[in-house]
Amino acid sequence: MATIGITIPESVWSARSERYYTQVLHGLEDAAVAGGHTVLSRVTGSSEEELEVLTGWAERGMVDVVILKDLLPGDPRPGQVQRLGLPFTMIGDVRQREVSAVTIDNTGTMRRLLGDLHACGHRAIAHVGGPPHLLHSRWRREAYREFVTELDLPLLALEGDYGPDSGAAATAELLGALARPTVIVHDNDAMAIGGLRAATAQGIRVPEELSVVSWDDSPACQTHTPPIAVLDHLPHQLGVDLGTAAVALLEDPPRQLRLAHEVPRLLHRGTLAPGPEALPT
């Protein structure tokens, strides 16, 4: 029996609480248990603390393989775990080709989402991105900017920290802009919920006057009134795939699996209405 280690930043965990990453962890545990292995998880408050945890795990022989996520430009973690003698897999982007990973096409997903919103009649499309130092946030933001530039649409982009307060603040600022958005895409469910709170506080009717879309789905999105439009990511399956890739490293060390997730679809729920340029039916 081996142990798979995964750390989760406190900022992400507190913002999403038991939502997205709990489902990922459940999937990871399901795959690990099926292979006769266990999972050790730890919430960390900073990248420095995460490196300390990974080092401690390795020195005490507590884990046999680790999972990395939310890599930064020039991130020291891959090199660090290699020096510690730990194999690793990661949640990565399709353009990160060198290692074992479960990959997501952040650029392709953003462009498909924006294309769907444009086809629904939206021309003032805003984006509230995640922390700018994260690579996947950067690639989503770049895809958004390229899309609106190509179609000569207004650039309505702000950043948040994955917490609901940052989503509320960004939404309030966007609603006060000269080019007011007809739809706002938030990079996670907590920011979308905060954004909806801010819009409601201003007396904005959702979705009649403003549509809202969350990049992530969660029970909170599904039970919100009205239910929040989302991308149909499969967090439990992501966890299962991470477990499958980790187990492959344990059982056949040279074998580095790369499992690609399909580009998710937009689920039209109660917070999404046709935009002003929608064709009559």
C-alpha atoms as a PDB file:
ATOM      1  CA  MET A   1       0.000   0.000   0.000  1.00  0.00           C
ATOM      2  CA  ALA A   2       1.268   3.458  -0.932  1.00  0.00           C
ATOM      3  CA  THR A   3       0.185   6.991  -0.036  1.00  0.00           C
ATOM      4  CA  ILE A   4      -0.685   9.803  -2.476  1.00  0.00           C
ATOM      5  CA  GLY A   5      -0.067  13.302  -1.086  1.00  0.00           C
ATOM      6  CA  ILE A   6      -1.882  16.462  -2.149  1.00  0.00           C
ATOM      7  CA  THR A   7      -1.772  19.982  -0.707  1.00  0.00           C
ATOM      8  CA  ILE A   8      -4.497  22.576  -1.224  1.00  0.00           C
ATOM      9  CA  PRO A   9      -3.943  26.329  -0.750  1.00  0.00           C
ATOM     10  CA  GLU A  10      -5.951  27.718   2.165  1.00  0.00           C
ATOM     11  CA  SER A  11      -7.213  30.598  -0.013  1.00  0.00           C
ATOM     12  CA  VAL A  12      -8.761  28.184  -2.505  1.00  0.00           C
ATOM     13  CA  TRP A  13     -10.137  25.885   0.167  1.00  0.00           C
ATOM     14  CA  SER A  14     -11.775  28.648   2.160  1.00  0.00           C
ATOM     15  CA  ALA A  15     -13.238  30.260  -0.966  1.00  0.00           C
ATOM     16  CA  ARG A  16     -14.760  27.033  -2.232  1.00  0.00           C
ATOM     17  CA  SER A  17     -15.196  25.324   1.159  1.00  0.00           C
ATOM     18  CA  GLU A  18     -16.651  21.885   0.501  1.00  0.00           C
ATOM     19  CA  ARG A  19     -17.467  22.542  -3.111  1.00  0.00           C
ATOM     20  CA  TYR A  20     -15.207  21.906  -6.060  1.00  0.00           C
ATOM     21  CA  TYR A  21     -12.118  20.493  -4.370  1.00  0.00           C
ATOM     22  CA  THR A  22     -14.036  18.230  -2.035  1.00  0.00           C
ATOM     23  CA  GLN A  23     -15.395  16.511  -5.135  1.00  0.00           C
ATOM     24  CA  VAL A  24     -11.875  16.292  -6.587  1.00  0.00           C
ATOM     25  CA  LEU A  25     -10.624  14.722  -3.358  1.00  0.00           C
ATOM     26  CA  HIS A  26     -13.473  12.211  -3.335  1.00  0.00           C
ATOM     27  CA  GLY A  27     -12.570  11.122  -6.851  1.00  0.00           C
ATOM     28  CA  LEU A  28      -8.883  10.887  -5.932  1.00  0.00           C
ATOM     29  CA  GLU A  29      -9.711   8.760  -2.892  1.00  0.00           C
ATOM     30  CA  ASP A  30     -11.968   6.493  -4.948  1.00  0.00           C
ATOM     31  CA  ALA A  31      -9.161   5.789  -7.414  1.00  0.00           C
ATOM     32  CA  ALA A  32      -6.579   5.347  -4.664  1.00  0.00           C
ATOM     33  CA  VAL A  33      -8.685   2.936  -2.621  1.00  0.00           C
ATOM     34  CA  ALA A  34      -9.514   0.904  -5.717  1.00  0.00           C
ATOM     35  CA  GLY A  35      -5.769   0.385  -6.173  1.00  0.00           C
ATOM     36  CA  GLY A  36      -5.202  -0.451  -2.512  1.00  0.00           C
ATOM     37  CA  HIS A  37      -3.664   2.933  -1.658  1.00  0.00           C
ATOM     38  CA  THR A  38      -4.450   5.896   0.601  1.00  0.00           C
ATOM     39  CA  VAL A  39      -4.549   9.703   0.255  1.00  0.00           C
ATOM     40  CA  LEU A  40      -2.940  12.243   2.581  1.00  0.00           C
ATOM     41  CA  SER A  41      -4.167  15.838   2.140  1.00  0.00           C
ATOM     42  CA  ARG A  42      -3.086  19.054   3.825  1.00  0.00           C
ATOM     43  CA  VAL A  43      -4.309  22.647   3.582  1.00  0.00           C
ATOM     44  CA  THR A  44      -1.404  25.113   3.373  1.00  0.00           C
ATOM     45  CA  GLY A  45      -1.390  28.872   3.848  1.00  0.00           C
ATOM     46  CA  SER A  46       1.393  29.784   1.405  1.00  0.00           C
ATOM     47  CA  SER A  47       3.694  28.355  -1.258  1.00  0.00           C
ATOM     48  CA  GLU A  48       6.519  28.371   1.304  1.00  0.00           C
ATOM     49  CA  GLU A  49       4.413  26.328   3.720  1.00  0.00           C
ATOM     50  CA  GLU A  50       3.518  23.936   0.925  1.00  0.00           C
ATOM     51  CA  LEU A  51       7.208  23.337   0.172  1.00  0.00           C
ATOM     52  CA  GLU A  52       7.820  22.726   3.887  1.00  0.00           C
ATOM     53  CA  VAL A  53       4.978  20.190   3.988  1.00  0.00           C
ATOM     54  CA  LEU A  54       6.239  18.378   0.885  1.00  0.00           C
ATOM     55  CA  THR A  55       9.763  18.293   2.318  1.00  0.00           C
ATOM     56  CA  GLY A  56       8.521  16.970   5.658  1.00  0.00           C
ATOM     57  CA  TRP A  57       6.452  14.285   3.976  1.00  0.00           C
ATOM     58  CA  ALA A  58       9.428  13.120   1.945  1.00  0.00           C
ATOM     59  CA  GLU A  59      11.882  13.148   4.856  1.00  0.00           C
ATOM     60  CA  ARG A  60       9.522  11.142   7.061  1.00  0.00           C
ATOM     61  CA  GLY A  61       8.512   8.760   4.272  1.00  0.00           C
ATOM     62  CA  MET A  62       4.860   9.699   4.653  1.00  0.00           C
ATOM     63  CA  VAL A  63       4.000   9.788   0.949  1.00  0.00           C
ATOM     64  CA  ASP A  64       5.131   7.895  -2.135  1.00  0.00           C
ATOM     65  CA  VAL A  65       3.837  10.236  -4.851  1.00  0.00           C
ATOM     66  CA  VAL A  66       2.439  13.772  -4.796  1.00  0.00           C
ATOM     67  CA  ILE A  67      -0.010  15.836  -6.826  1.00  0.00           C
ATOM     68  CA  LEU A  68       0.811  19.428  -7.752  1.00  0.00           C
ATOM     69  CA  LYS A  69      -1.607  22.109  -8.928  1.00  0.00           C
ATOM     70  CA  ASP A  70      -1.872  25.820  -9.712  1.00  0.00           C
ATOM     71  CA  LEU A  71       1.696  26.118 -10.972  1.00  0.00           C
ATOM     72  CA  LEU A  72       3.305  29.556 -11.162  1.00  0.00           C
ATOM     73  CA  PRO A  73       5.782  30.873 -13.729  1.00  0.00           C
ATOM     74  CA  GLY A  74       9.156  29.406 -12.758  1.00  0.00           C
ATOM     75  CA  ASP A  75       7.458  27.361 -10.027  1.00  0.00           C
ATOM     76  CA  PRO A  76      10.040  25.677  -7.744  1.00  0.00           C
ATOM     77  CA  ARG A  77       7.792  22.808  -6.678  1.00  0.00           C
ATOM     78  CA  PRO A  78       8.447  20.361  -9.553  1.00  0.00           C
ATOM     79  CA  GLY A  79      12.202  20.683  -9.105  1.00  0.00           C
ATOM     80  CA  GLN A  80      11.878  20.462  -5.338  1.00  0.00           C
ATOM     81  CA  VAL A  81       9.889  17.224  -5.294  1.00  0.00           C
ATOM     82  CA  GLN A  82      12.267  15.709  -7.854  1.00  0.00           C
ATOM     83  CA  ARG A  83      15.218  16.552  -5.594  1.00  0.00           C
ATOM     84  CA  LEU A  84      13.325  14.939  -2.724  1.00  0.00           C
ATOM     85  CA  GLY A  85      13.001  11.779  -4.794  1.00  0.00           C
ATOM     86  CA  LEU A  86       9.218  11.981  -5.068  1.00  0.00           C
ATOM     87  CA  PRO A  87       7.424  11.230  -8.327  1.00  0.00           C
ATOM     88  CA  PHE A  88       4.601  13.646  -9.097  1.00  0.00           C
ATOM     89  CA  THR A  89       1.635  14.172 -11.340  1.00  0.00           C
ATOM     90  CA  MET A  90      -0.264  17.416 -11.665  1.00  0.00           C
ATOM     91  CA  ILE A  91      -3.369  19.249 -12.767  1.00  0.00           C
ATOM     92  CA  GLY A  92      -1.987  21.064 -15.795  1.00  0.00           C
ATOM     93  CA  ASP A  93      -2.778  22.750 -19.061  1.00  0.00           C
ATOM     94  CA  VAL A  94      -2.540  21.068 -22.446  1.00  0.00           C
ATOM     95  CA  ARG A  95       0.516  23.192 -23.260  1.00  0.00           C
ATOM     96  CA  GLN A  96       2.456  21.763 -20.288  1.00  0.00           C
ATOM     97  CA  ARG A  97       3.782  18.706 -22.077  1.00  0.00           C
ATOM     98  CA  GLU A  98       6.742  17.463 -20.097  1.00  0.00           C
ATOM     99  CA  VAL A  99       5.276  15.512 -17.188  1.00  0.00           C
ATOM    100  CA  SER A 100       2.573  13.171 -15.976  1.00  0.00           C
ATOM    101  CA  ALA A 101      -0.602  15.241 -15.791  1.00  0.00           C
ATOM    102  CA  VAL A 102      -4.339  15.504 -16.086  1.00  0.00           C
ATOM    103  CA  THR A 103      -4.695  18.319 -18.586  1.00  0.00           C
ATOM    104  CA  ILE A 104      -7.313  20.992 -19.172  1.00  0.00           C
ATOM    105  CA  ASP A 105      -7.440  23.258 -22.220  1.00  0.00           C
ATOM    106  CA  ASN A 106      -7.962  26.627 -20.528  1.00  0.00           C
ATOM    107  CA  THR A 107      -7.586  28.598 -23.766  1.00  0.00           C
ATOM    108  CA  GLY A 108      -9.914  26.367 -25.756  1.00  0.00           C
ATOM    109  CA  THR A 109     -12.473  26.323 -22.958  1.00  0.00           C
ATOM    110  CA  MET A 110     -12.523  30.108 -22.677  1.00  0.00           C
ATOM    111  CA  ARG A 111     -12.843  30.620 -26.423  1.00  0.00           C
ATOM    112  CA  ARG A 112     -15.677  28.095 -26.672  1.00  0.00           C
ATOM    113  CA  LEU A 113     -17.513  29.715 -23.749  1.00  0.00           C
ATOM    114  CA  LEU A 114     -17.150  33.204 -25.195  1.00  0.00           C
ATOM    115  CA  GLY A 115     -18.265  31.962 -28.612  1.00  0.00           C
ATOM    116  CA  ASP A 116     -21.391  30.464 -27.059  1.00  0.00           C
ATOM    117  CA  LEU A 117     -22.184  33.703 -25.223  1.00  0.00           C
ATOM    118  CA  HIS A 118     -21.623  35.723 -28.392  1.00  0.00           C
ATOM    119  CA  ALA A 119     -23.934  33.373 -30.296  1.00  0.00           C
ATOM    120  CA  CYS A 120     -26.554  33.996 -27.564  1.00  0.00           C
ATOM    121  CA  GLY A 121     -26.527  37.694 -28.432  1.00  0.00           C
ATOM    122  CA  HIS A 122     -24.064  39.038 -25.880  1.00  0.00           C
ATOM    123  CA  ARG A 123     -21.612  41.685 -27.064  1.00  0.00           C
ATOM    124  CA  ALA A 124     -20.554  43.263 -23.739  1.00  0.00           C
ATOM    125  CA  ILE A 125     -18.961  40.201 -22.117  1.00  0.00           C
ATOM    126  CA  ALA A 126     -16.984  40.733 -18.915  1.00  0.00           C
ATOM    127  CA  HIS A 127     -14.490  38.411 -17.257  1.00  0.00           C
ATOM    128  CA  VAL A 128     -13.579  38.281 -13.573  1.00  0.00           C
ATOM    129  CA  GLY A 129     -10.416  36.176 -13.528  1.00  0.00           C
ATOM    130  CA  GLY A 130      -8.619  34.397 -10.745  1.00  0.00           C
ATOM    131  CA  PRO A 131      -5.314  35.392  -9.142  1.00  0.00           C
ATOM    132  CA  PRO A 132      -3.055  36.707 -11.935  1.00  0.00           C
ATOM    133  CA  HIS A 133       0.059  34.866 -10.710  1.00  0.00           C
ATOM    134  CA  LEU A 134      -1.519  31.480 -11.526  1.00  0.00           C
ATOM    135  CA  LEU A 135      -0.718  30.129 -14.974  1.00  0.00           C
ATOM    136  CA  HIS A 136      -4.232  28.899 -15.731  1.00  0.00           C
ATOM    137  CA  SER A 137      -5.634  32.333 -14.779  1.00  0.00           C
ATOM    138  CA  ARG A 138      -3.141  33.971 -17.136  1.00  0.00           C
ATOM    139  CA  TRP A 139      -4.078  31.704 -20.041  1.00  0.00           C
ATOM    140  CA  ARG A 140      -7.812  32.253 -19.542  1.00  0.00           C
ATOM    141  CA  ARG A 141      -7.276  36.007 -19.350  1.00  0.00           C
ATOM    142  CA  GLU A 142      -5.149  35.984 -22.516  1.00  0.00           C
ATOM    143  CA  ALA A 143      -7.806  33.963 -24.367  1.00  0.00           C
ATOM    144  CA  TYR A 144     -10.484  36.437 -23.267  1.00  0.00           C
ATOM    145  CA  ARG A 145      -8.454  39.437 -24.448  1.00  0.00           C
ATOM    146  CA  GLU A 146      -7.707  37.811 -27.801  1.00  0.00           C
ATOM    147  CA  PHE A 147     -11.378  36.950 -28.351  1.00  0.00           C
ATOM    148  CA  VAL A 148     -12.788  40.405 -27.624  1.00  0.00           C
ATOM    149  CA  THR A 149     -10.022  42.040 -29.667  1.00  0.00           C
ATOM    150  CA  GLU A 150     -10.714  39.836 -32.686  1.00  0.00           C
ATOM    151  CA  LEU A 151     -14.449  40.676 -32.574  1.00  0.00           C
ATOM    152  CA  ASP A 152     -13.926  44.343 -31.660  1.00  0.00           C
ATOM    153  CA  LEU A 153     -15.860  43.959 -28.400  1.00  0.00           C
ATOM    154  CA  PRO A 154     -15.302  46.066 -25.271  1.00  0.00           C
ATOM    155  CA  LEU A 155     -12.541  44.837 -22.962  1.00  0.00           C
ATOM    156  CA  LEU A 156     -14.182  44.326 -19.554  1.00  0.00           C
ATOM    157  CA  ALA A 157     -11.704  42.356 -17.462  1.00  0.00           C
ATOM    158  CA  LEU A 158     -10.920  42.437 -13.740  1.00  0.00           C
ATOM    159  CA  GLU A 159      -9.247  40.033 -11.334  1.00  0.00           C
ATOM    160  CA  GLY A 160     -10.275  38.454  -8.040  1.00  0.00           C
ATOM    161  CA  ASP A 161      -8.800  36.099  -5.454  1.00  0.00           C
ATOM    162  CA  TYR A 162     -11.385  33.279  -5.757  1.00  0.00           C
ATOM    163  CA  GLY A 163     -13.282  34.594  -2.732  1.00  0.00           C
ATOM    164  CA  PRO A 164     -16.889  35.873  -2.850  1.00  0.00           C
ATOM    165  CA  ASP A 165     -15.942  39.364  -1.652  1.00  0.00           C
ATOM    166  CA  SER A 166     -13.579  39.838  -4.592  1.00  0.00           C
ATOM    167  CA  GLY A 167     -16.316  38.664  -6.963  1.00  0.00           C
ATOM    168  CA  ALA A 168     -18.723  41.172  -5.423  1.00  0.00           C
ATOM    169  CA  ALA A 169     -16.211  44.022  -5.657  1.00  0.00           C
ATOM    170  CA  ALA A 170     -15.323  43.254  -9.283  1.00  0.00           C
ATOM    171  CA  THR A 171     -18.978  42.970 -10.277  1.00  0.00           C
ATOM    172  CA  ALA A 172     -19.837  46.283  -8.620  1.00  0.00           C
ATOM    173  CA  GLU A 173     -16.979  47.967 -10.498  1.00  0.00           C
ATOM    174  CA  LEU A 174     -18.018  46.446 -13.822  1.00  0.00           C
ATOM    175  CA  LEU A 175     -21.630  47.530 -13.335  1.00  0.00           C
ATOM    176  CA  GLY A 176     -20.391  51.081 -12.863  1.00  0.00           C
ATOM    177  CA  ALA A 177     -18.375  51.038 -16.095  1.00  0.00           C
ATOM    178  CA  LEU A 178     -19.337  53.148 -19.091  1.00  0.00           C
ATOM    179  CA  ALA A 179     -19.686  50.002 -21.208  1.00  0.00           C
ATOM    180  CA  ARG A 180     -21.838  47.997 -18.827  1.00  0.00           C
ATOM    181  CA  PRO A 181     -21.678  44.215 -19.374  1.00  0.00           C
ATOM    182  CA  THR A 182     -24.698  42.134 -20.268  1.00  0.00           C
ATOM    183  CA  VAL A 183     -22.964  38.978 -18.988  1.00  0.00           C
ATOM    184  CA  ILE A 184     -20.112  38.377 -16.544  1.00  0.00           C
ATOM    185  CA  VAL A 185     -17.979  35.217 -16.524  1.00  0.00           C
ATOM    186  CA  HIS A 186     -16.452  34.492 -13.109  1.00  0.00           C
ATOM    187  CA  ASP A 187     -13.493  32.128 -12.788  1.00  0.00           C
ATOM    188  CA  ASN A 188     -15.057  30.172  -9.936  1.00  0.00           C
ATOM    189  CA  ASP A 189     -18.347  29.606  -8.155  1.00  0.00           C
ATOM    190  CA  ALA A 190     -17.549  31.643  -5.035  1.00  0.00           C
ATOM    191  CA  MET A 191     -16.822  34.777  -7.059  1.00  0.00           C
ATOM    192  CA  ALA A 192     -19.958  34.234  -9.142  1.00  0.00           C
ATOM    193  CA  ILE A 193     -22.091  33.997  -6.004  1.00  0.00           C
ATOM    194  CA  GLY A 194     -20.466  37.149  -4.633  1.00  0.00           C
ATOM    195  CA  GLY A 195     -21.082  38.881  -7.962  1.00  0.00           C
ATOM    196  CA  LEU A 196     -24.742  37.948  -7.900  1.00  0.00           C
ATOM    197  CA  ARG A 197     -24.998  39.364  -4.389  1.00  0.00           C
ATOM    198  CA  ALA A 198     -23.510  42.663  -5.547  1.00  0.00           C
ATOM    199  CA  ALA A 199     -25.804  42.873  -8.577  1.00  0.00           C
ATOM    200  CA  THR A 200     -28.886  42.179  -6.476  1.00  0.00           C
ATOM    201  CA  ALA A 201     -27.828  44.841  -3.969  1.00  0.00           C
ATOM    202  CA  GLN A 202     -27.869  47.375  -6.813  1.00  0.00           C
ATOM    203  CA  GLY A 203     -31.365  46.318  -7.855  1.00  0.00           C
ATOM    204  CA  ILE A 204     -30.090  44.605 -11.037  1.00  0.00           C
ATOM    205  CA  ARG A 205     -32.461  41.910 -12.264  1.00  0.00           C
ATOM    206  CA  VAL A 206     -30.808  38.570 -13.073  1.00  0.00           C
ATOM    207  CA  PRO A 207     -30.926  37.389 -15.804  1.00  0.00           C
ATOM    208  CA  GLU A 208     -33.150  40.065 -17.376  1.00  0.00           C
ATOM    209  CA  GLU A 209     -30.568  42.846 -17.031  1.00  0.00           C
ATOM    210  CA  LEU A 210     -27.408  40.852 -16.288  1.00  0.00           C
ATOM    211  CA  SER A 211     -26.408  37.272 -16.963  1.00  0.00           C
ATOM    212  CA  VAL A 212     -23.851  35.498 -14.770  1.00  0.00           C
ATOM    213  CA  VAL A 213     -21.751  32.429 -15.572  1.00  0.00           C
ATOM    214  CA  SER A 214     -19.428  30.477 -13.264  1.00  0.00           C
ATOM    215  CA  TRP A 215     -16.384  28.581 -14.561  1.00  0.00           C
ATOM    216  CA  ASP A 216     -16.920  25.945 -11.841  1.00  0.00           C
ATOM    217  CA  ASP A 217     -20.059  24.100 -10.847  1.00  0.00           C
ATOM    218  CA  SER A 218     -20.951  23.215  -7.256  1.00  0.00           C
ATOM    219  CA  PRO A 219     -23.979  22.376  -5.100  1.00  0.00           C
ATOM    220  CA  ALA A 220     -24.108  26.084  -4.233  1.00  0.00           C
ATOM    221  CA  CYS A 221     -24.525  26.928  -7.929  1.00  0.00           C
ATOM    222  CA  GLN A 222     -27.198  24.284  -8.365  1.00  0.00           C
ATOM    223  CA  THR A 223     -29.262  25.378  -5.359  1.00  0.00           C
ATOM    224  CA  HIS A 224     -28.842  29.122  -5.851  1.00  0.00           C
ATOM    225  CA  THR A 225     -31.977  31.115  -6.720  1.00  0.00           C
ATOM    226  CA  PRO A 226     -31.909  31.214  -9.675  1.00  0.00           C
ATOM    227  CA  PRO A 227     -29.506  28.321 -10.429  1.00  0.00           C
ATOM    228  CA  ILE A 228     -26.200  29.608 -11.795  1.00  0.00           C
ATOM    229  CA  ALA A 229     -25.146  28.897 -15.385  1.00  0.00           C
ATOM    230  CA  VAL A 230     -21.838  27.003 -15.382  1.00  0.00           C
ATOM    231  CA  LEU A 231     -19.360  25.006 -17.388  1.00  0.00           C
ATOM    232  CA  ASP A 232     -19.960  21.301 -16.909  1.00  0.00           C
ATOM    233  CA  HIS A 233     -16.546  20.422 -15.485  1.00  0.00           C
ATOM    234  CA  LEU A 234     -16.475  17.023 -13.812  1.00  0.00           C
ATOM    235  CA  PRO A 235     -14.476  17.503 -10.587  1.00  0.00           C
ATOM    236  CA  HIS A 236     -15.025  13.957  -9.336  1.00  0.00           C
ATOM    237  CA  GLN A 237     -13.741  12.559 -12.624  1.00  0.00           C
ATOM    238  CA  LEU A 238     -10.772  14.929 -12.416  1.00  0.00           C
ATOM    239  CA  GLY A 239      -9.938  13.389  -9.056  1.00  0.00           C
ATOM    240  CA  VAL A 240     -10.325   9.867 -10.423  1.00  0.00           C
ATOM    241  CA  ASP A 241      -7.991  10.700 -13.312  1.00  0.00           C
ATOM    242  CA  LEU A 242      -5.430  12.204 -10.926  1.00  0.00           C
ATOM    243  CA  GLY A 243      -5.557   9.030  -8.880  1.00  0.00           C
ATOM    244  CA  THR A 244      -5.156   6.900 -12.005  1.00  0.00           C
ATOM    245  CA  ALA A 245      -2.082   8.900 -13.083  1.00  0.00           C
ATOM    246  CA  ALA A 246      -0.590   8.733  -9.579  1.00  0.00           C
ATOM    247  CA  VAL A 247      -1.144   4.979  -9.296  1.00  0.00           C
ATOM    248  CA  ALA A 248       0.521   4.482 -12.690  1.00  0.00           C
ATOM    249  CA  LEU A 249       3.641   6.226 -11.328  1.00  0.00           C
ATOM    250  CA  LEU A 250       3.564   3.969  -8.271  1.00  0.00           C
ATOM    251  CA  GLU A 251       3.052   0.685 -10.063  1.00  0.00           C
ATOM    252  CA  ASP A 252       5.156   1.353 -13.163  1.00  0.00           C
ATOM    253  CA  PRO A 253       7.482   4.294 -12.360  1.00  0.00           C
ATOM    254  CA  PRO A 254       8.622   5.095 -15.913  1.00  0.00           C
ATOM    255  CA  ARG A 255       4.983   5.311 -17.009  1.00  0.00           C
ATOM    256  CA  GLN A 256       3.793   8.923 -17.106  1.00  0.00           C
ATOM    257  CA  LEU A 257       0.135   9.124 -18.031  1.00  0.00           C
ATOM    258  CA  ARG A 258      -1.335  12.231 -19.639  1.00  0.00           C
ATOM    259  CA  LEU A 259      -5.108  12.234 -19.432  1.00  0.00           C
ATOM    260  CA  ALA A 260      -6.917  15.047 -21.254  1.00  0.00           C
ATOM    261  CA  HIS A 261     -10.316  16.296 -20.124  1.00  0.00           C
ATOM    262  CA  GLU A 262     -12.813  17.207 -22.797  1.00  0.00           C
ATOM    263  CA  VAL A 263     -13.586  20.889 -23.285  1.00  0.00           C
ATOM    264  CA  PRO A 264     -16.654  21.424 -21.067  1.00  0.00           C
ATOM    265  CA  ARG A 265     -20.015  22.648 -22.326  1.00  0.00           C
ATOM    266  CA  LEU A 266     -21.972  25.665 -21.141  1.00  0.00           C
ATOM    267  CA  LEU A 267     -24.988  24.672 -19.057  1.00  0.00           C
ATOM    268  CA  HIS A 268     -27.781  27.207 -19.552  1.00  0.00           C
ATOM    269  CA  ARG A 269     -29.355  27.704 -16.138  1.00  0.00           C
ATOM    270  CA  GLY A 270     -31.426  30.453 -14.576  1.00  0.00           C
ATOM    271  CA  THR A 271     -28.759  33.182 -14.480  1.00  0.00           C
ATOM    272  CA  LEU A 272     -28.223  33.159 -18.267  1.00  0.00           C
ATOM    273  CA  ALA A 273     -30.574  34.867 -20.732  1.00  0.00           C
ATOM    274  CA  PRO A 274     -30.141  35.800 -24.407  1.00  0.00           C
ATOM    275  CA  GLY A 275     -28.264  39.030 -24.969  1.00  0.00           C
ATOM    276  CA  PRO A 276     -29.580  42.158 -26.689  1.00  0.00           C
ATOM    277  CA  GLU A 277     -28.280  40.982 -30.076  1.00  0.00           C
ATOM    278  CA  ALA A 278     -29.999  37.591 -29.963  1.00  0.00           C
ATOM    279  CA  LEU A 279     -31.794  36.658 -33.150  1.00  0.00           C
ATOM    280  CA  PRO A 280     -35.583  36.413 -32.820  1.00  0.00           C
ATOM    281  CA  THR A 281     -36.946  32.887 -32.742  1.00  0.00           C
END
